[in-house]
Amino acid sequence: HQFIPNFCKQLLGKIKPNAIAISLIKGFDKAEGGGIDLISHIITRHLKIPCAV
């Protein structure tokens, strides 16, 4: 899951703003402030588009 932020940075600006992401990755990662962060939420945050699982 560590590749997600870097991969999203490569896609940012190349995706239409009305696009919807679909992730086949189920799971979560450690959140920066503690706790967990769903992979779909990480994708949404980085790409600034909704992400479904």
PDB file of N, CA and C in Angstrom:
ATOM      1  N   HIS A   1       0.803  -1.207   0.000  1.00  0.00           N
ATOM      2  CA  HIS A   1       0.000   0.000   0.000  1.00  0.00           C
ATOM      3  C   HIS A   1       0.845   1.269   0.000  1.00  0.00           C
ATOM      4  N   GLN A   2       2.117   1.110   0.210  1.00  0.00           N
ATOM      5  CA  GLN A   2       2.992   2.280   0.305  1.00  0.00           C
ATOM      6  C   GLN A   2       3.169   2.983  -1.039  1.00  0.00           C
ATOM      7  N   PHE A   3       2.857   2.304  -2.131  1.00  0.00           N
ATOM      8  CA  PHE A   3       3.030   2.902  -3.457  1.00  0.00           C
ATOM      9  C   PHE A   3       1.889   3.846  -3.827  1.00  0.00           C
ATOM     10  N   ILE A   4       0.789   3.800  -3.116  1.00  0.00           N
ATOM     11  CA  ILE A   4      -0.411   4.565  -3.477  1.00  0.00           C
ATOM     12  C   ILE A   4      -0.154   6.076  -3.557  1.00  0.00           C
ATOM     13  N   PRO A   5       0.418   6.720  -2.537  1.00  0.00           N
ATOM     14  CA  PRO A   5       0.610   8.178  -2.637  1.00  0.00           C
ATOM     15  C   PRO A   5       1.471   8.596  -3.833  1.00  0.00           C
ATOM     16  N   ASN A   6       2.565   7.897  -4.088  1.00  0.00           N
ATOM     17  CA  ASN A   6       3.426   8.250  -5.222  1.00  0.00           C
ATOM     18  C   ASN A   6       2.722   8.004  -6.551  1.00  0.00           C
ATOM     19  N   PHE A   7       1.975   6.922  -6.636  1.00  0.00           N
ATOM     20  CA  PHE A   7       1.232   6.622  -7.857  1.00  0.00           C
ATOM     21  C   PHE A   7       0.175   7.693  -8.114  1.00  0.00           C
ATOM     22  N   CYS A   8      -0.513   8.116  -7.062  1.00  0.00           N
ATOM     23  CA  CYS A   8      -1.533   9.159  -7.202  1.00  0.00           C
ATOM     24  C   CYS A   8      -0.907  10.476  -7.650  1.00  0.00           C
ATOM     25  N   LYS A   9       0.291  10.793  -7.153  1.00  0.00           N
ATOM     26  CA  LYS A   9       0.974  12.022  -7.568  1.00  0.00           C
ATOM     27  C   LYS A   9       1.247  12.011  -9.066  1.00  0.00           C
ATOM     28  N   GLN A  10       1.560  10.844  -9.618  1.00  0.00           N
ATOM     29  CA  GLN A  10       1.807  10.727 -11.053  1.00  0.00           C
ATOM     30  C   GLN A  10       0.529  10.956 -11.859  1.00  0.00           C
ATOM     31  N   LEU A  11      -0.614  10.571 -11.300  1.00  0.00           N
ATOM     32  CA  LEU A  11      -1.893  10.702 -12.003  1.00  0.00           C
ATOM     33  C   LEU A  11      -2.526  12.086 -11.852  1.00  0.00           C
ATOM     34  N   LEU A  12      -2.183  12.784 -10.780  1.00  0.00           N
ATOM     35  CA  LEU A  12      -2.790  14.080 -10.496  1.00  0.00           C
ATOM     36  C   LEU A  12      -2.534  15.046 -11.648  1.00  0.00           C
ATOM     37  N   GLY A  13      -3.595  15.680 -12.115  1.00  0.00           N
ATOM     38  CA  GLY A  13      -3.504  16.600 -13.238  1.00  0.00           C
ATOM     39  C   GLY A  13      -3.743  15.933 -14.582  1.00  0.00           C
ATOM     40  N   LYS A  14      -3.802  14.608 -14.597  1.00  0.00           N
ATOM     41  CA  LYS A  14      -4.037  13.869 -15.839  1.00  0.00           C
ATOM     42  C   LYS A  14      -5.425  13.237 -15.860  1.00  0.00           C
ATOM     43  N   ILE A  15      -6.178  13.475 -14.792  1.00  0.00           N
ATOM     44  CA  ILE A  15      -7.509  12.887 -14.636  1.00  0.00           C
ATOM     45  C   ILE A  15      -8.538  14.011 -14.665  1.00  0.00           C
ATOM     46  N   LYS A  16      -9.641  13.775 -15.366  1.00  0.00           N
ATOM     47  CA  LYS A  16     -10.711  14.772 -15.400  1.00  0.00           C
ATOM     48  C   LYS A  16     -11.275  14.952 -13.994  1.00  0.00           C
ATOM     49  N   PRO A  17     -11.647  16.178 -13.625  1.00  0.00           N
ATOM     50  CA  PRO A  17     -12.147  16.435 -12.275  1.00  0.00           C
ATOM     51  C   PRO A  17     -13.461  15.723 -11.956  1.00  0.00           C
ATOM     52  N   ASN A  18     -14.206  15.296 -12.981  1.00  0.00           N
ATOM     53  CA  ASN A  18     -15.468  14.589 -12.727  1.00  0.00           C
ATOM     54  C   ASN A  18     -15.299  13.070 -12.800  1.00  0.00           C
ATOM     55  N   ALA A  19     -14.051  12.590 -12.832  1.00  0.00           N
ATOM     56  CA  ALA A  19     -13.791  11.144 -12.860  1.00  0.00           C
ATOM     57  C   ALA A  19     -14.086  10.530 -11.493  1.00  0.00           C
ATOM     58  N   ILE A  20     -14.300   9.225 -11.500  1.00  0.00           N
ATOM     59  CA  ILE A  20     -14.498   8.459 -10.269  1.00  0.00           C
ATOM     60  C   ILE A  20     -13.467   7.338 -10.264  1.00  0.00           C
ATOM     61  N   ALA A  21     -12.741   7.204  -9.161  1.00  0.00           N
ATOM     62  CA  ALA A  21     -11.744   6.140  -9.032  1.00  0.00           C
ATOM     63  C   ALA A  21     -12.408   4.881  -8.487  1.00  0.00           C
ATOM     64  N   ILE A  22     -11.930   3.738  -8.931  1.00  0.00           N
ATOM     65  CA  ILE A  22     -12.376   2.450  -8.398  1.00  0.00           C
ATOM     66  C   ILE A  22     -11.128   1.702  -7.951  1.00  0.00           C
ATOM     67  N   SER A  23     -11.075   1.350  -6.688  1.00  0.00           N
ATOM     68  CA  SER A  23      -9.913   0.660  -6.141  1.00  0.00           C
ATOM     69  C   SER A  23     -10.231  -0.816  -5.941  1.00  0.00           C
ATOM     70  N   LEU A  24      -9.309  -1.659  -6.340  1.00  0.00           N
ATOM     71  CA  LEU A  24      -9.433  -3.093  -6.076  1.00  0.00           C
ATOM     72  C   LEU A  24      -8.604  -3.482  -4.858  1.00  0.00           C
ATOM     73  N   ILE A  25      -8.080  -2.482  -4.169  1.00  0.00           N
ATOM     74  CA  ILE A  25      -7.276  -2.722  -2.968  1.00  0.00           C
ATOM     75  C   ILE A  25      -8.166  -2.528  -1.750  1.00  0.00           C
ATOM     76  N   LYS A  26      -8.426  -3.613  -1.041  1.00  0.00           N
ATOM     77  CA  LYS A  26      -9.163  -3.515   0.212  1.00  0.00           C
ATOM     78  C   LYS A  26      -8.143  -3.372   1.326  1.00  0.00           C
ATOM     79  N   GLY A  27      -8.470  -2.596   2.297  1.00  0.00           N
ATOM     80  CA  GLY A  27      -7.573  -2.515   3.437  1.00  0.00           C
ATOM     81  C   GLY A  27      -7.350  -1.103   3.907  1.00  0.00           C
ATOM     82  N   PHE A  28      -6.330  -0.978   4.747  1.00  0.00           N
ATOM     83  CA  PHE A  28      -6.045   0.303   5.369  1.00  0.00           C
ATOM     84  C   PHE A  28      -4.552   0.445   5.602  1.00  0.00           C
ATOM     85  N   ASP A  29      -4.161   1.657   5.956  1.00  0.00           N
ATOM     86  CA  ASP A  29      -2.775   1.977   6.261  1.00  0.00           C
ATOM     87  C   ASP A  29      -2.777   2.778   7.553  1.00  0.00           C
ATOM     88  N   LYS A  30      -1.631   2.916   8.181  1.00  0.00           N
ATOM     89  CA  LYS A  30      -1.530   3.729   9.384  1.00  0.00           C
ATOM     90  C   LYS A  30      -1.710   5.196   9.018  1.00  0.00           C
ATOM     91  N   ALA A  31      -2.549   5.869   9.767  1.00  0.00           N
ATOM     92  CA  ALA A  31      -2.749   7.304   9.559  1.00  0.00           C
ATOM     93  C   ALA A  31      -1.593   8.065  10.204  1.00  0.00           C
ATOM     94  N   GLU A  32      -1.282   9.237   9.674  1.00  0.00           N
ATOM     95  CA  GLU A  32      -0.157  10.016  10.186  1.00  0.00           C
ATOM     96  C   GLU A  32      -0.320  10.389  11.652  1.00  0.00           C
ATOM     97  N   GLY A  33      -1.504  10.746  12.078  1.00  0.00           N
ATOM     98  CA  GLY A  33      -1.732  11.149  13.460  1.00  0.00           C
ATOM     99  C   GLY A  33      -2.089   9.996  14.377  1.00  0.00           C
ATOM    100  N   GLY A  34      -1.965   8.773  13.894  1.00  0.00           N
ATOM    101  CA  GLY A  34      -2.375   7.598  14.645  1.00  0.00           C
ATOM    102  C   GLY A  34      -3.688   7.080  14.108  1.00  0.00           C
ATOM    103  N   GLY A  35      -4.011   5.872  14.404  1.00  0.00           N
ATOM    104  CA  GLY A  35      -5.229   5.258  13.902  1.00  0.00           C
ATOM    105  C   GLY A  35      -5.014   4.660  12.524  1.00  0.00           C
ATOM    106  N   ILE A  36      -6.115   4.496  11.787  1.00  0.00           N
ATOM    107  CA  ILE A  36      -6.036   3.888  10.459  1.00  0.00           C
ATOM    108  C   ILE A  36      -6.671   4.800   9.413  1.00  0.00           C
ATOM    109  N   ASP A  37      -6.294   4.562   8.179  1.00  0.00           N
ATOM    110  CA  ASP A  37      -6.817   5.327   7.049  1.00  0.00           C
ATOM    111  C   ASP A  37      -7.135   4.326   5.942  1.00  0.00           C
ATOM    112  N   LEU A  38      -8.371   4.292   5.473  1.00  0.00           N
ATOM    113  CA  LEU A  38      -8.743   3.381   4.398  1.00  0.00           C
ATOM    114  C   LEU A  38      -8.010   3.755   3.116  1.00  0.00           C
ATOM    115  N   ILE A  39      -7.613   2.754   2.341  1.00  0.00           N
ATOM    116  CA  ILE A  39      -6.905   2.994   1.087  1.00  0.00           C
ATOM    117  C   ILE A  39      -7.752   3.858   0.155  1.00  0.00           C
ATOM    118  N   SER A  40      -9.046   3.597   0.106  1.00  0.00           N
ATOM    119  CA  SER A  40      -9.920   4.401  -0.759  1.00  0.00           C
ATOM    120  C   SER A  40      -9.931   5.867  -0.331  1.00  0.00           C
ATOM    121  N   HIS A  41      -9.814   6.131   0.959  1.00  0.00           N
ATOM    122  CA  HIS A  41      -9.770   7.514   1.441  1.00  0.00           C
ATOM    123  C   HIS A  41      -8.446   8.180   1.075  1.00  0.00           C
ATOM    124  N   ILE A  42      -7.370   7.410   1.095  1.00  0.00           N
ATOM    125  CA  ILE A  42      -6.061   7.933   0.690  1.00  0.00           C
ATOM    126  C   ILE A  42      -6.106   8.335  -0.782  1.00  0.00           C
ATOM    127  N   ILE A  43      -6.701   7.487  -1.609  1.00  0.00           N
ATOM    128  CA  ILE A  43      -6.823   7.775  -3.043  1.00  0.00           C
ATOM    129  C   ILE A  43      -7.679   9.018  -3.260  1.00  0.00           C
ATOM    130  N   THR A  44      -8.807   9.104  -2.578  1.00  0.00           N
ATOM    131  CA  THR A  44      -9.688  10.269  -2.691  1.00  0.00           C
ATOM    132  C   THR A  44      -8.953  11.546  -2.307  1.00  0.00           C
ATOM    133  N   ARG A  45      -8.229  11.494  -1.219  1.00  0.00           N
ATOM    134  CA  ARG A  45      -7.514  12.676  -0.734  1.00  0.00           C
ATOM    135  C   ARG A  45      -6.433  13.135  -1.727  1.00  0.00           C
ATOM    136  N   HIS A  46      -5.689  12.193  -2.283  1.00  0.00           N
ATOM    137  CA  HIS A  46      -4.594  12.553  -3.183  1.00  0.00           C
ATOM    138  C   HIS A  46      -5.079  12.970  -4.577  1.00  0.00           C
ATOM    139  N   LEU A  47      -6.093  12.287  -5.108  1.00  0.00           N
ATOM    140  CA  LEU A  47      -6.553  12.585  -6.466  1.00  0.00           C
ATOM    141  C   LEU A  47      -7.663  13.633  -6.511  1.00  0.00           C
ATOM    142  N   LYS A  48      -8.241  13.923  -5.339  1.00  0.00           N
ATOM    143  CA  LYS A  48      -9.323  14.914  -5.246  1.00  0.00           C
ATOM    144  C   LYS A  48     -10.541  14.513  -6.072  1.00  0.00           C
ATOM    145  N   ILE A  49     -10.795  13.196  -6.130  1.00  0.00           N
ATOM    146  CA  ILE A  49     -11.992  12.652  -6.773  1.00  0.00           C
ATOM    147  C   ILE A  49     -12.524  11.539  -5.875  1.00  0.00           C
ATOM    148  N   PRO A  50     -13.814  11.191  -5.973  1.00  0.00           N
ATOM    149  CA  PRO A  50     -14.349  10.097  -5.168  1.00  0.00           C
ATOM    150  C   PRO A  50     -13.728   8.760  -5.561  1.00  0.00           C
ATOM    151  N   CYS A  51     -13.609   7.869  -4.591  1.00  0.00           N
ATOM    152  CA  CYS A  51     -13.061   6.539  -4.847  1.00  0.00           C
ATOM    153  C   CYS A  51     -13.978   5.489  -4.229  1.00  0.00           C
ATOM    154  N   ALA A  52     -14.366   4.509  -5.037  1.00  0.00           N
ATOM    155  CA  ALA A  52     -15.196   3.400  -4.574  1.00  0.00           C
ATOM    156  C   ALA A  52     -14.333   2.149  -4.469  1.00  0.00           C
ATOM    157  N   VAL A  53     -14.788   1.207  -3.650  1.00  0.00           N
ATOM    158  CA  VAL A  53     -14.066  -0.064  -3.485  1.00  0.00           C
ATOM    159  C   VAL A  53     -14.909  -1.163  -4.073  1.00  0.00           C
TER     160      VAL A  53
END
